[in-house]
Amino acid sequence: MPHQSIYDFEAKDINGNIKTLSQFKGNALLIVNTASKCGFTPQYEGLEKLYKNYNGKGFEILGFPCNQFGGQEPGDENEIKSFCSLTYNVSFPMFSKIDVNGNNAHPLYKYLKKNSKGILGTEFIKWNFTKFLIGKNGEVLKRYAPTNTPDEIAKDLDELLS
């Protein structure tokens, strides 16, 4: 059966447990492919701030480490978890490392890319810290480039969660 909504997907969390995205039903989501050794890695700080500010208002951030861009996420799950926790105090849900492009792309990312194309209609994800905003009823609302900062996204969250 094809995936009809974001809630039909499951993914392994950073501790190796299978999580269904249906557990986030009713929340706005920001889904981000992350990396620990990227020029955009300091965005973890802004993402954590967004999470702290909006989490009680029906908002979740889901981080998906990916090593497909310049080999910037070489570590295993324990190293990633430790880095995120110690360096940026990340408290939002992090998942196991995945591919976001190519034949082995995670089904969730195939769905996200199909439902929110990038510049010039491309589905391909160009780099780490591409972000997808999901509405409270599971629809893919917007795709943000890696250069879009969490501060810029806050304006959309204010509107979405009000």
Protein backbone atom coordinates (compact mmCIF):
# COMPACT_ATOMS: atom_id res chain seq x y z
CA MET A 1 0.00 0.00 0.00
CA PRO A 2 1.44 3.41 -0.89
CA HIS A 3 2.13 5.86 1.88
CA GLN A 4 -0.80 8.27 2.04
CA SER A 5 0.56 10.58 4.71
CA ILE A 6 3.60 11.31 6.79
CA TYR A 7 2.04 9.24 9.59
CA ASP A 8 2.30 6.01 7.57
CA PHE A 9 6.10 5.96 7.93
CA GLU A 10 8.35 4.50 10.56
CA ALA A 11 12.03 5.01 11.22
CA LYS A 12 14.66 3.74 13.62
CA ASP A 13 15.52 6.24 16.33
CA ILE A 14 19.11 6.94 17.31
CA ASN A 15 18.88 4.20 19.97
CA GLY A 16 17.79 1.60 17.39
CA ASN A 17 14.08 1.50 18.31
CA ILE A 18 11.45 1.59 15.58
CA LYS A 19 9.26 4.69 15.90
CA THR A 20 6.11 5.31 13.90
CA LEU A 21 5.58 8.88 12.82
CA SER A 22 1.90 8.51 13.76
CA GLN A 23 3.04 9.17 17.35
CA PHE A 24 3.53 12.81 16.26
CA LYS A 25 -0.02 13.18 14.88
CA GLY A 26 -1.54 16.58 15.62
CA ASN A 27 1.86 18.29 15.86
CA ALA A 28 3.60 20.48 13.33
CA LEU A 29 6.94 18.89 12.44
CA LEU A 30 10.25 20.10 11.12
CA ILE A 31 12.16 17.20 9.56
CA VAL A 32 15.87 17.88 9.02
CA ASN A 33 18.76 15.89 7.58
CA THR A 34 21.69 16.66 9.86
CA ALA A 35 25.47 16.24 10.02
CA SER A 36 28.05 16.80 12.75
CA LYS A 37 30.91 18.12 10.60
CA CYS A 38 29.15 20.54 8.25
CA GLY A 39 29.35 24.31 7.85
CA PHE A 40 25.65 24.35 8.81
CA THR A 41 26.15 22.18 11.93
CA PRO A 42 25.82 25.25 14.23
CA GLN A 43 22.15 25.29 13.14
CA TYR A 44 21.69 22.58 15.79
CA GLU A 45 21.78 25.45 18.27
CA GLY A 46 18.99 27.33 16.49
CA LEU A 47 16.98 24.16 16.00
CA GLU A 48 17.21 23.38 19.72
CA LYS A 49 16.06 26.93 20.48
CA LEU A 50 13.07 26.48 18.14
CA TYR A 51 12.31 23.17 19.83
CA LYS A 52 12.44 24.71 23.32
CA ASN A 53 10.26 27.67 22.25
CA TYR A 54 7.59 25.75 20.36
CA ASN A 55 7.58 22.19 21.67
CA GLY A 56 4.85 22.89 24.24
CA LYS A 57 2.70 24.40 21.48
CA GLY A 58 2.36 21.26 19.37
CA PHE A 59 5.69 21.23 17.54
CA GLU A 60 8.39 18.57 17.10
CA ILE A 61 11.72 18.50 15.30
CA LEU A 62 12.92 15.19 13.88
CA GLY A 63 16.63 14.96 13.07
CA PHE A 64 17.91 12.45 10.53
CA PRO A 65 21.72 12.20 10.36
CA CYS A 66 23.00 11.64 6.83
CA ASN A 67 26.51 11.01 5.52
CA GLN A 68 25.72 11.59 1.82
CA PHE A 69 27.11 15.12 1.60
CA GLY A 70 30.88 15.43 1.77
CA GLY A 71 31.12 12.56 4.27
CA GLN A 72 30.17 15.02 7.01
CA GLU A 73 28.45 12.50 9.28
CA PRO A 74 31.04 9.70 9.52
CA GLY A 75 30.26 8.61 13.09
CA ASP A 76 28.00 5.83 14.29
CA GLU A 77 24.78 6.48 16.20
CA ASN A 78 26.51 6.62 19.60
CA GLU A 79 29.04 9.17 18.36
CA ILE A 80 26.28 11.26 16.75
CA LYS A 81 24.16 11.12 19.90
CA SER A 82 27.11 12.11 22.06
CA PHE A 83 28.08 14.98 19.74
CA CYS A 84 24.52 16.36 19.59
CA SER A 85 24.06 16.11 23.32
CA LEU A 86 27.44 17.41 24.45
CA THR A 87 27.99 20.09 21.81
CA TYR A 88 24.47 21.45 21.27
CA ASN A 89 22.40 19.99 24.12
CA VAL A 90 19.98 18.56 21.54
CA SER A 91 16.80 17.31 23.19
CA PHE A 92 14.58 16.84 20.12
CA PRO A 93 14.17 13.32 18.68
CA MET A 94 17.12 12.09 16.63
CA PHE A 95 16.99 9.07 14.35
CA SER A 96 19.48 6.57 12.96
CA LYS A 97 21.65 7.59 10.05
CA ILE A 98 19.86 7.33 6.69
CA ASP A 99 20.28 8.13 3.00
CA VAL A 100 18.09 10.94 1.69
CA ASN A 101 19.00 10.59 -2.01
CA GLY A 102 19.51 7.67 -4.39
CA ASN A 103 18.16 4.14 -4.52
CA ASN A 104 18.61 3.59 -0.78
CA ALA A 105 16.90 6.81 0.26
CA HIS A 106 14.64 6.30 3.26
CA PRO A 107 10.98 6.00 2.15
CA LEU A 108 10.10 9.01 4.32
CA TYR A 109 12.54 11.15 2.35
CA LYS A 110 11.27 9.83 -0.99
CA TYR A 111 7.81 10.98 0.14
CA LEU A 112 9.00 14.38 1.42
CA LYS A 113 10.93 15.13 -1.78
CA LYS A 114 8.01 14.11 -3.99
CA ASN A 115 5.60 16.30 -2.02
CA SER A 116 7.80 19.38 -1.74
CA LYS A 117 10.19 19.84 -4.61
CA GLY A 118 13.26 22.00 -4.44
CA ILE A 119 14.42 24.79 -6.71
CA LEU A 120 13.46 24.29 -10.38
CA GLY A 121 11.22 21.39 -9.39
CA THR A 122 14.05 19.04 -8.42
CA GLU A 123 13.43 16.36 -5.83
CA PHE A 124 17.12 15.86 -5.09
CA ILE A 125 18.33 17.09 -1.69
CA LYS A 126 21.36 19.28 -2.23
CA TRP A 127 23.01 19.32 1.21
CA ASN A 128 22.79 18.78 4.96
CA PHE A 129 20.21 20.75 6.93
CA THR A 130 17.52 20.77 4.26
CA LYS A 131 14.31 21.16 6.26
CA PHE A 132 10.69 20.15 5.63
CA LEU A 133 7.81 21.77 7.49
CA ILE A 134 4.85 19.47 8.08
CA GLY A 135 1.43 20.79 9.12
CA LYS A 136 -0.57 19.50 12.07
CA ASN A 137 -2.59 17.21 9.81
CA GLY A 138 0.48 15.68 8.20
CA GLU A 139 0.72 17.61 4.94
CA VAL A 140 4.11 18.72 3.63
CA LEU A 141 3.86 22.53 3.69
CA LYS A 142 7.28 23.84 2.81
CA ARG A 143 10.85 22.91 2.01
CA TYR A 144 13.69 25.07 3.30
CA ALA A 145 17.20 25.24 1.89
CA PRO A 146 20.17 24.52 4.17
CA THR A 147 20.85 28.27 4.19
CA ASN A 148 17.42 29.01 5.72
CA THR A 149 18.10 29.51 9.41
CA PRO A 150 15.92 28.27 12.26
CA ASP A 151 15.24 31.95 13.09
CA GLU A 152 13.68 32.43 9.65
CA ILE A 153 11.53 29.33 10.18
CA ALA A 154 10.23 30.72 13.50
CA LYS A 155 8.08 33.24 11.55
CA ASP A 156 6.30 30.39 9.77
CA LEU A 157 5.86 28.52 13.06
CA ASP A 158 4.26 31.56 14.71
CA GLU A 159 1.71 31.61 11.90
CA LEU A 160 1.19 27.84 11.80
CA LEU A 161 0.79 27.35 15.56
CA SER A 162 -1.31 30.43 16.33
